[in-house]
C-alpha cells in the first residue's frame, strides 16, 4: 500500500477513496468516472470493481485506468454490489471513503473537497452532504436528516441516537480507520445490503457532521431489478439485521422504522411470493418476527397483531375501490375517530368512513388547517385542538413513514395513549 501511495503522491496522503461497483454499466462509466476525475480534490483514488459484467464495462474501465493512475480496476465474479464494495474497501488506502453508483454523480466539481474539508475541520468520523434525486418529477432534494437540522446553518453535529436514519449511505464520507476498527462491511446480500452498513457506520461514529453541501446526484430508474425469491429473502434478512442491531443498542426509533419498512414489504413485494409457500421465505419471515420488540412498537402506536405472516397473507379492503384501503381492525361499530392528515390518504379514508358507516368521523386534523380549512364539507382543525376532543382512535392518514413516526411522537408527547393511535397503511 505504501508503494502505491508514493507512486501517486509521494509522501502525500490519499484523502478520499471513491468506491464504484459496476455491473453492466457501460452506458454510464465514462461520464461517471470523468465526473470524479474533475473533482478539485486531487489526492483521491477511484476504485472500480467490475462485478462480472456481461457487457464491455470491464474493457472501458481498463482503458480509463491506463490514462489515469488514480483509477484502480478490480474484477470479480458476479456477487452483488455489497460484495464489490467490500472488495474495494479491503484495497482502499484513503483517509476517508465514499460510495458512488455508476449511474450517479457528484453534484459539483468541488463537492468532495468541501465535504472532506468539513470532515477534517470538525474532526468527524462521518460527514454528510445533501442528496438530490432525478426522477420523473424532476430534481428534488431528499430530506436525509429529517427535522433535526433545517439547513439554515452551513453545518451541524447530530448525535446518531437522536437521528437513527438507515438510508442514503452514499450521502456520507466515512473514516476508513473507523470502519476497520469496528469491522464494518456490507452483508453478502443482493438486496437491502446498504442499510445495515449505514446503520452500523453511523452508530459507530456516534456523532455525524451534516452540511448543506450539494453532494450526491441520484438517478432513479437506472436498472430494473427482477424481484425474485432470493432478493426477497435477502431484503428480509437485511431488515432483520437492523431489527436485531437496534434492539441490542436501544435504538427504538430505528426499530420502528425498520418494522414499518418490513410490513410494507410484506404487503407489496413479498405478498405474492409468500403465497407460493416458499419454505426459505417463511423461515426468514419467522426470524424477522422473532427479532421484533413489540412492546417498543406499542409505546407509540397500537399493533393490531403480533405477526408478520398476517401482513403477508392479508387481502386488504379490496372491495372499497380505494387506492388507500382503510383497515378497521379492532374498531367497533359506532366508535369515534379522528383523522390526522388531510392529503390524498386522508381524503380516501374520509370517503370510506362515510360510505361504510362503521365508525364516525368526529374531527379531521392537519398541520395546515389555517390554509386548508375545509375538505368535502368537513372542517379541518389544527392538531392543538386534539386535547379538547373526545374520541376512541386517532387514525394517522399519511403514507410517508418518517412523517407518521413524527406524528406518533407528537401524539405521545401530548399524552395520547398508544392504544388510541392507528397507522396501518395499505395500498
Protein backbone atom coordinates (compact mmCIF):
# COMPACT_ATOMS: atom_id res chain seq x y z
CA UNK A 1 0.00 0.00 0.00
CA UNK A 2 2.84 2.40 0.84
CA UNK A 3 4.39 1.94 -2.62
CA UNK A 4 1.07 2.70 -4.27
CA UNK A 5 0.64 5.91 -2.29
CA UNK A 6 4.15 7.03 -3.09
CA UNK A 7 3.60 6.27 -6.75
CA UNK A 8 0.64 8.65 -6.77
CA UNK A 9 1.61 11.47 -4.46
CA UNK A 10 4.98 10.78 -2.86
CA UNK A 11 4.66 11.49 0.84
CA UNK A 12 1.18 12.98 0.49
CA UNK A 13 -1.77 11.05 1.90
CA UNK A 14 -4.68 9.89 -0.22
CA UNK A 15 -7.56 11.82 1.28
CA UNK A 16 -10.60 10.05 -0.20
CA UNK A 17 -11.13 6.65 -1.78
CA UNK A 18 -14.12 6.76 -4.13
CA UNK A 19 -15.61 3.26 -4.47
CA UNK A 20 -17.70 2.41 -7.55
CA UNK A 21 -19.26 -1.06 -8.04
CA UNK A 22 -20.00 -1.77 -11.71
CA UNK A 23 -22.34 -4.30 -13.29
CA UNK A 24 -23.28 -3.81 -16.95
CA UNK A 25 -22.76 -0.07 -16.64
CA UNK A 26 -21.04 0.63 -19.96
CA UNK A 27 -23.58 3.32 -20.81
CA UNK A 28 -22.59 5.38 -17.75
CA UNK A 29 -18.96 4.53 -16.94
CA UNK A 30 -17.20 7.28 -18.86
CA UNK A 31 -19.44 10.07 -17.61
CA UNK A 32 -19.32 8.80 -14.02
CA UNK A 33 -15.53 8.46 -13.76
CA UNK A 34 -14.83 11.70 -15.59
CA UNK A 35 -17.02 13.47 -13.08
CA UNK A 36 -14.84 12.09 -10.27
CA UNK A 37 -11.65 13.00 -12.16
CA UNK A 38 -12.85 16.61 -12.40
CA UNK A 39 -13.04 16.94 -8.61
CA UNK A 40 -10.90 19.76 -7.24
CA UNK A 41 -9.71 17.41 -4.51
CA UNK A 42 -6.82 15.77 -6.34
CA UNK A 43 -5.49 13.41 -3.62
CA UNK A 44 -8.07 10.72 -4.37
CA UNK A 45 -8.19 7.20 -5.71
CA UNK A 46 -11.05 5.78 -7.77
CA UNK A 47 -11.63 2.10 -7.01
CA UNK A 48 -13.86 0.42 -9.61
CA UNK A 49 -14.94 -3.20 -9.10
CA UNK A 50 -16.43 -4.94 -12.11
CA UNK A 51 -18.98 -7.37 -10.68
CA UNK A 52 -19.00 -9.90 -13.51
CA UNK A 53 -20.41 -7.57 -16.17
CA UNK A 54 -21.70 -9.16 -19.37
CA UNK A 55 -21.17 -6.04 -21.50
CA UNK A 56 -17.89 -4.19 -22.20
CA UNK A 57 -17.79 -2.43 -18.81
CA UNK A 58 -14.51 -4.07 -17.80
CA UNK A 59 -12.80 -3.05 -21.06
CA UNK A 60 -13.90 0.58 -20.62
CA UNK A 61 -12.65 0.61 -17.03
CA UNK A 62 -9.28 -0.77 -18.07
CA UNK A 63 -8.95 1.90 -20.76
CA UNK A 64 -9.62 4.65 -18.22
CA UNK A 65 -7.12 3.08 -15.82
CA UNK A 66 -4.40 3.39 -18.48
CA UNK A 67 -4.96 7.13 -18.83
CA UNK A 68 -5.18 7.98 -15.09
CA UNK A 69 -3.22 6.10 -12.42
CA UNK A 70 -5.74 7.23 -9.81
CA UNK A 71 -8.21 4.77 -11.35
CA UNK A 72 -7.77 1.27 -9.93
CA UNK A 73 -9.76 -1.55 -11.53
CA UNK A 74 -10.65 -4.86 -9.89
CA UNK A 75 -12.80 -7.68 -11.14
CA UNK A 76 -14.78 -10.47 -9.52
CA UNK A 77 -17.49 -12.97 -10.38
CA UNK A 78 -20.98 -11.59 -10.01
CA UNK A 79 -21.73 -11.44 -6.28
CA UNK A 80 -23.65 -8.19 -5.96
CA UNK A 81 -22.86 -4.56 -5.21
CA UNK A 82 -22.23 -5.15 -1.50
CA UNK A 83 -19.55 -7.74 -2.20
CA UNK A 84 -17.96 -5.43 -4.79
CA UNK A 85 -17.80 -2.57 -2.29
CA UNK A 86 -16.22 -4.88 0.31
CA UNK A 87 -13.56 -5.86 -2.24
CA UNK A 88 -12.73 -2.21 -2.79
CA UNK A 89 -12.74 -1.44 0.95
CA UNK A 90 -10.04 -4.07 1.51
CA UNK A 91 -7.88 -2.37 -1.13
CA UNK A 92 -8.62 1.26 -0.25
CA UNK A 93 -5.87 3.48 1.16
CA UNK A 94 -7.67 6.79 1.66
CA UNK A 95 -8.22 8.60 4.95
CA UNK A 96 -11.95 8.62 4.10
CA UNK A 97 -14.07 6.52 1.76
CA UNK A 98 -17.29 7.27 -0.08
CA UNK A 99 -19.52 5.25 -2.37
CA UNK A 100 -20.76 6.16 -5.83
CA UNK A 101 -23.03 4.11 -8.09
CA UNK A 102 -22.00 4.05 -11.74
CA UNK A 103 -25.15 5.81 -12.98
CA UNK A 104 -24.89 8.58 -10.36
CA UNK A 105 -22.52 11.51 -9.90
CA UNK A 106 -21.36 14.26 -7.56
CA UNK A 107 -23.33 17.47 -7.90
CA UNK A 108 -20.37 19.83 -8.27
CA UNK A 109 -16.67 19.61 -9.06
CA UNK A 110 -15.72 20.75 -5.56
CA UNK A 111 -18.19 18.53 -3.69
CA UNK A 112 -15.55 16.08 -2.42
CA UNK A 113 -13.14 18.84 -1.41
CA UNK A 114 -15.80 20.72 0.56
CA UNK A 115 -17.07 17.62 2.33
CA UNK A 116 -13.53 16.45 3.15
CA UNK A 117 -12.64 19.91 4.49
CA UNK A 118 -15.65 19.82 6.81
CA UNK A 119 -14.90 16.27 7.97
CA UNK A 120 -11.33 17.14 8.91
CA UNK A 121 -12.17 20.59 10.28
CA UNK A 122 -14.92 19.23 12.56
CA UNK A 123 -12.89 16.11 13.46
CA UNK A 124 -15.83 13.99 12.30
CA UNK A 125 -15.66 10.28 11.59
CA UNK A 126 -18.65 10.64 9.28
CA UNK A 127 -19.57 13.75 7.32
CA UNK A 128 -22.71 14.07 5.20
CA UNK A 129 -23.86 16.31 2.37
CA UNK A 130 -27.14 16.84 0.58
CA UNK A 131 -28.65 14.30 -1.81
CA UNK A 132 -30.80 15.09 -4.83
CA UNK A 133 -32.89 12.60 -6.81
CA UNK A 134 -33.56 12.93 -10.53
CA UNK A 135 -36.86 11.24 -11.32
CA UNK A 136 -39.99 11.78 -13.40
CA UNK A 137 -40.82 14.72 -11.12
CA UNK A 138 -37.50 16.45 -11.83
CA UNK A 139 -34.57 17.09 -9.48
CA UNK A 140 -35.70 17.10 -5.86
CA UNK A 141 -33.78 17.30 -2.61
CA UNK A 142 -34.04 14.35 -0.24
CA UNK A 143 -34.80 15.06 3.41
CA UNK A 144 -31.88 12.95 4.67
CA UNK A 145 -31.70 14.48 8.14
CA UNK A 146 -35.39 14.89 8.93
CA UNK A 147 -36.40 17.64 11.35
CA UNK A 148 -33.16 17.55 13.32
CA UNK A 149 -31.48 20.06 11.03
CA UNK A 150 -33.23 22.69 8.97
CA UNK A 151 -30.22 23.57 6.83
CA UNK A 152 -30.20 27.25 7.82
CA UNK A 153 -26.59 26.89 9.03
CA UNK A 154 -23.71 25.63 6.95
CA UNK A 155 -23.14 22.62 9.19
CA UNK A 156 -24.23 20.92 12.39
CA UNK A 157 -23.29 17.93 14.54
CA UNK A 158 -26.05 15.33 15.04
CA UNK A 159 -25.99 12.54 17.59
CA UNK A 160 -26.93 9.29 15.89
CA UNK A 161 -29.02 8.22 18.89
CA UNK A 162 -31.32 11.13 18.08
CA UNK A 163 -31.05 10.72 14.32
CA UNK A 164 -31.38 6.92 13.79
CA UNK A 165 -31.62 7.01 9.99
CA UNK A 166 -30.93 3.89 7.93
CA UNK A 167 -30.95 5.02 4.28
CA UNK A 168 -28.91 7.28 1.94
CA UNK A 169 -25.49 5.79 2.75
CA UNK A 170 -23.99 7.43 -0.37
CA UNK A 171 -24.56 10.87 1.22
CA UNK A 172 -21.55 10.47 3.53
CA UNK A 173 -17.78 10.34 3.79
CA UNK A 174 -16.67 7.63 6.25
CA UNK A 175 -13.41 7.41 8.16
CA UNK A 176 -11.74 4.29 6.79
CA UNK A 177 -9.96 3.73 10.12
CA UNK A 178 -13.33 3.79 11.92
CA UNK A 179 -14.74 1.17 9.54
CA UNK A 180 -11.69 -1.04 10.02
CA UNK A 181 -11.61 -0.74 13.81
CA UNK A 182 -15.28 -1.68 14.05
CA UNK A 183 -15.11 -4.41 11.38
CA UNK A 184 -17.90 -2.73 9.38
CA UNK A 185 -18.62 -4.02 5.89
CA UNK A 186 -21.61 -4.84 3.69
CA UNK A 187 -23.50 -8.09 4.33
CA UNK A 188 -23.45 -10.58 1.46
CA UNK A 189 -26.99 -9.79 0.30
CA UNK A 190 -28.15 -8.90 -3.20
CA UNK A 191 -30.89 -6.68 -1.84
CA UNK A 192 -31.01 -4.32 1.15
CA UNK A 193 -27.29 -4.65 1.85
CA UNK A 194 -26.66 -0.92 2.32
CA UNK A 195 -28.99 -0.06 5.29
CA UNK A 196 -27.20 -2.49 7.68
CA UNK A 197 -23.87 -0.96 6.64
CA UNK A 198 -25.21 2.58 7.04
CA UNK A 199 -26.69 1.93 10.48
CA UNK A 200 -23.53 0.35 11.86
CA UNK A 201 -21.25 3.02 10.43
CA UNK A 202 -23.30 5.95 11.71
CA UNK A 203 -23.78 4.30 15.09
CA UNK A 204 -20.03 3.64 15.41
CA UNK A 205 -19.32 7.27 14.60
CA UNK A 206 -21.67 8.42 17.37
CA UNK A 207 -21.81 11.97 16.01
CA UNK A 208 -22.31 12.91 12.36
CA UNK A 209 -21.28 16.21 10.83
CA UNK A 210 -24.01 17.27 8.41
CA UNK A 211 -23.56 20.08 5.91
CA UNK A 212 -25.53 22.00 3.30
CA UNK A 213 -23.06 20.97 0.58
CA UNK A 214 -24.83 19.80 -2.58
CA UNK A 215 -23.09 16.44 -2.77
CA UNK A 216 -24.81 13.45 -4.37
CA UNK A 217 -26.88 13.18 -7.56
CA UNK A 218 -29.02 10.02 -7.63
CA UNK A 219 -30.53 8.97 -10.93
CA UNK A 220 -33.70 6.96 -10.37
CA UNK A 221 -34.68 4.09 -12.64
CA UNK A 222 -31.21 3.15 -13.91
CA UNK A 223 -31.72 -0.58 -13.83
CA UNK A 224 -34.87 -2.61 -13.46
CA UNK A 225 -34.37 -5.41 -10.97
CA UNK A 226 -36.18 -8.72 -11.23
CA UNK A 227 -37.55 -9.24 -7.75
CA UNK A 228 -37.13 -12.96 -7.20
CA UNK A 229 -37.28 -15.18 -4.14
CA UNK A 230 -33.57 -14.77 -3.34
CA UNK A 231 -33.85 -10.98 -3.35
CA UNK A 232 -36.99 -11.16 -1.22
CA UNK A 233 -35.20 -13.32 1.35
CA UNK A 234 -32.16 -11.05 1.34
CA UNK A 235 -34.36 -7.99 1.82
CA UNK A 236 -35.93 -9.52 4.92
CA UNK A 237 -32.50 -10.61 6.19
CA UNK A 238 -31.21 -7.05 5.86
CA UNK A 239 -34.19 -5.71 7.80
CA UNK A 240 -33.77 -8.44 10.41
CA UNK A 241 -30.13 -7.36 10.84
CA UNK A 242 -31.31 -3.84 11.64
CA UNK A 243 -34.08 -5.07 13.93
CA UNK A 244 -31.55 -7.04 15.96
CA UNK A 245 -28.96 -4.26 15.98
CA UNK A 246 -31.49 -1.64 17.07
CA UNK A 247 -32.83 -3.94 19.77
CA UNK A 248 -29.35 -4.68 21.12
CA UNK A 249 -28.41 -1.00 21.17
CA UNK A 250 -31.66 0.54 22.43
CA UNK A 251 -32.39 2.37 19.16
CA UNK A 252 -36.18 2.44 19.41
CA UNK A 253 -36.82 4.84 16.56
CA UNK A 254 -34.71 2.78 14.16
CA UNK A 255 -36.54 -0.33 15.34
CA UNK A 256 -39.91 1.22 14.49
CA UNK A 257 -38.69 2.49 11.12
CA UNK A 258 -37.41 -0.96 10.21
CA UNK A 259 -40.59 -2.67 11.36
CA UNK A 260 -42.77 -0.47 9.16
CA UNK A 261 -40.42 -0.97 6.22
CA UNK A 262 -40.79 -4.71 6.76
CA UNK A 263 -44.58 -4.51 6.97
CA UNK A 264 -44.73 -2.55 3.72
CA UNK A 265 -42.52 -5.16 2.06
CA UNK A 266 -44.73 -7.98 3.30
CA UNK A 267 -47.74 -6.26 1.79
CA UNK A 268 -46.17 -5.49 -1.55
CA UNK A 269 -43.27 -7.47 -2.98
CA UNK A 270 -43.42 -10.38 -0.57
CA UNK A 271 -47.15 -10.96 -0.63
CA UNK A 272 -47.28 -12.97 -3.84
CA UNK A 273 -44.06 -14.79 -3.03
CA UNK A 274 -45.42 -15.80 0.37
CA UNK A 275 -48.48 -17.25 -1.31
CA UNK A 276 -46.11 -19.66 -3.06
CA UNK A 277 -45.34 -21.12 0.39
CA UNK A 278 -41.57 -20.97 -0.03
CA UNK A 279 -40.02 -22.72 2.97
CA UNK A 280 -36.94 -20.46 2.87
CA UNK A 281 -39.07 -17.34 2.74
CA UNK A 282 -41.23 -18.48 5.64
CA UNK A 283 -38.11 -19.19 7.72
CA UNK A 284 -36.67 -15.69 7.19
CA UNK A 285 -40.09 -14.10 7.91
CA UNK A 286 -40.24 -16.04 11.18
CA UNK A 287 -36.69 -14.94 12.06
CA UNK A 288 -37.66 -11.34 11.44
CA UNK A 289 -40.81 -11.72 13.54
CA UNK A 290 -38.81 -13.08 16.49
CA UNK A 291 -36.47 -10.06 16.21
CA UNK A 292 -39.27 -7.51 16.69
CA UNK A 293 -39.64 -5.86 20.09
CA UNK A 294 -43.44 -5.49 20.02
CA UNK A 295 -43.52 -3.55 23.29
CA UNK A 296 -41.40 -0.80 21.72
CA UNK A 297 -43.85 -0.51 18.85
CA UNK A 298 -46.83 -0.25 21.18
CA UNK A 299 -45.19 2.59 23.09
CA UNK A 300 -46.08 4.79 20.12
CA UNK A 301 -48.79 3.02 18.15
CA UNK A 302 -51.26 0.18 18.50
CA UNK A 303 -50.08 -3.01 16.77
CA UNK A 304 -53.15 -4.88 15.60
CA UNK A 305 -51.48 -8.29 15.53
CA UNK A 306 -48.07 -9.53 16.68
CA UNK A 307 -47.46 -11.44 13.48
CA UNK A 308 -45.69 -10.62 10.22
CA UNK A 309 -47.32 -13.50 8.37
CA UNK A 310 -50.65 -11.72 8.78
CA UNK A 311 -49.33 -8.88 6.65
CA UNK A 312 -48.04 -11.30 4.02
CA UNK A 313 -51.37 -13.10 3.78
CA UNK A 314 -53.84 -10.23 4.09
CA UNK A 315 -56.02 -9.38 1.13
CA UNK A 316 -56.73 -5.83 2.17
CA UNK A 317 -60.02 -3.98 1.80
CA UNK A 318 -60.22 -4.62 -1.92
CA UNK A 319 -63.94 -4.02 -2.07
CA UNK A 320 -63.61 -0.35 -1.15
CA UNK A 321 -62.31 0.58 -4.60
CA UNK A 322 -59.87 2.98 -2.95
CA UNK A 323 -56.14 3.22 -3.60
CA UNK A 324 -55.64 3.56 0.18
CA UNK A 325 -57.97 1.00 1.81
CA UNK A 326 -58.73 1.72 5.47
CA UNK A 327 -58.37 -1.16 7.92
CA UNK A 328 -60.89 -1.24 10.76
CA UNK A 329 -59.10 -3.94 12.75
CA UNK A 330 -60.06 -3.69 16.42
CA UNK A 331 -62.55 -0.85 15.91
CA UNK A 332 -66.16 -1.37 16.96
CA UNK A 333 -69.35 -0.19 15.37
CA UNK A 334 -70.07 3.46 16.13
CA UNK A 335 -66.68 4.34 17.65
CA UNK A 336 -65.45 7.90 17.11
CA UNK A 337 -62.27 8.50 15.15
CA UNK A 338 -60.07 11.49 14.37
CA UNK A 339 -58.29 11.62 11.02
CA UNK A 340 -54.79 13.12 11.22
CA UNK A 341 -53.77 14.23 7.74
CA UNK A 342 -55.81 15.94 5.03
CA UNK A 343 -53.86 14.83 1.97
CA UNK A 344 -54.59 12.07 -0.53
CA UNK A 345 -54.67 9.33 2.10
CA UNK A 346 -56.89 11.36 4.43
CA UNK A 347 -59.40 12.11 1.69
CA UNK A 348 -59.54 8.43 0.78
CA UNK A 349 -60.12 7.48 4.42
CA UNK A 350 -62.81 10.12 4.77
CA UNK A 351 -64.75 8.72 1.80
CA UNK A 352 -64.56 5.18 3.18
CA UNK A 353 -65.71 6.24 6.65
CA UNK A 354 -68.70 8.00 5.13
CA UNK A 355 -69.58 5.11 2.82
CA UNK A 356 -69.01 2.24 5.27
CA UNK A 357 -70.72 3.80 8.28
CA UNK A 358 -68.89 1.53 10.72
CA UNK A 359 -67.17 4.33 12.64
CA UNK A 360 -67.97 8.02 12.86
CA UNK A 361 -65.60 10.86 11.98
CA UNK A 362 -65.63 13.28 14.89
CA UNK A 363 -62.75 15.51 13.70
CA UNK A 364 -60.23 15.96 10.90
CA UNK A 365 -56.82 17.31 11.92
CA UNK A 366 -53.99 18.70 9.82
CA UNK A 367 -50.97 20.91 10.47
CA UNK A 368 -52.01 23.15 7.55
CA UNK A 369 -55.50 23.76 8.94
CA UNK A 370 -55.06 27.52 8.67
CA UNK A 371 -54.52 27.23 4.90
CA UNK A 372 -56.94 24.34 4.25
CA UNK A 373 -59.98 24.94 6.41
CA UNK A 374 -62.48 22.57 4.83
CA UNK A 375 -62.44 19.48 2.62
CA UNK A 376 -65.53 17.70 1.29
CA UNK A 377 -67.70 19.62 3.73
CA UNK A 378 -65.62 18.67 6.79
CA UNK A 379 -63.85 21.32 8.88
CA UNK A 380 -60.09 20.87 9.18
CA UNK A 381 -58.78 21.78 12.64
CA UNK A 382 -55.20 22.27 13.92
CA UNK A 383 -53.51 19.49 15.97
CA UNK A 384 -53.60 21.55 19.17
CA UNK A 385 -57.39 21.09 19.22
CA UNK A 386 -56.95 17.35 19.88
CA UNK A 387 -56.72 17.88 23.63
CA UNK A 388 -60.29 19.19 23.76
CA UNK A 389 -61.81 16.40 21.68
CA UNK A 390 -63.41 13.15 22.80
CA UNK A 391 -62.52 10.19 20.57
CA UNK A 392 -61.71 6.48 20.55
CA UNK A 393 -58.91 6.48 17.95
CA UNK A 394 -56.63 8.81 16.04
CA UNK A 395 -56.04 7.41 12.56
CA UNK A 396 -52.81 8.74 11.06
CA UNK A 397 -53.62 9.33 7.39
CA UNK A 398 -50.19 9.80 5.83
CA UNK A 399 -48.21 7.38 3.65
CA UNK A 400 -44.72 8.67 4.48
CA UNK A 401 -43.26 6.58 7.28
CA UNK A 402 -40.99 9.27 8.71
CA UNK A 403 -43.84 11.79 8.85
CA UNK A 404 -46.07 9.19 10.52
CA UNK A 405 -43.41 8.49 13.16
CA UNK A 406 -43.06 12.22 13.85
CA UNK A 407 -46.84 12.45 14.32
CA UNK A 408 -46.70 9.48 16.71
CA UNK A 409 -44.01 11.29 18.72
CA UNK A 410 -46.17 14.42 18.83
CA UNK A 411 -49.27 12.50 19.94
CA UNK A 412 -47.29 10.66 22.61
CA UNK A 413 -45.90 13.96 23.95
CA UNK A 414 -49.48 15.26 24.11
CA UNK A 415 -50.44 12.37 26.40
CA UNK A 416 -52.49 10.36 23.91
CA UNK A 417 -52.28 6.67 24.76
CA UNK A 418 -50.54 4.44 22.14
CA UNK A 419 -53.58 2.16 22.02
CA UNK A 420 -55.59 5.06 20.61
CA UNK A 421 -53.15 5.75 17.74
CA UNK A 422 -53.53 3.81 14.49
CA UNK A 423 -51.22 3.89 11.49
CA UNK A 424 -51.98 0.99 9.18
CA UNK A 425 -51.14 1.99 5.63
CA UNK A 426 -52.30 -0.38 2.88
CA UNK A 427 -52.21 0.14 -0.84
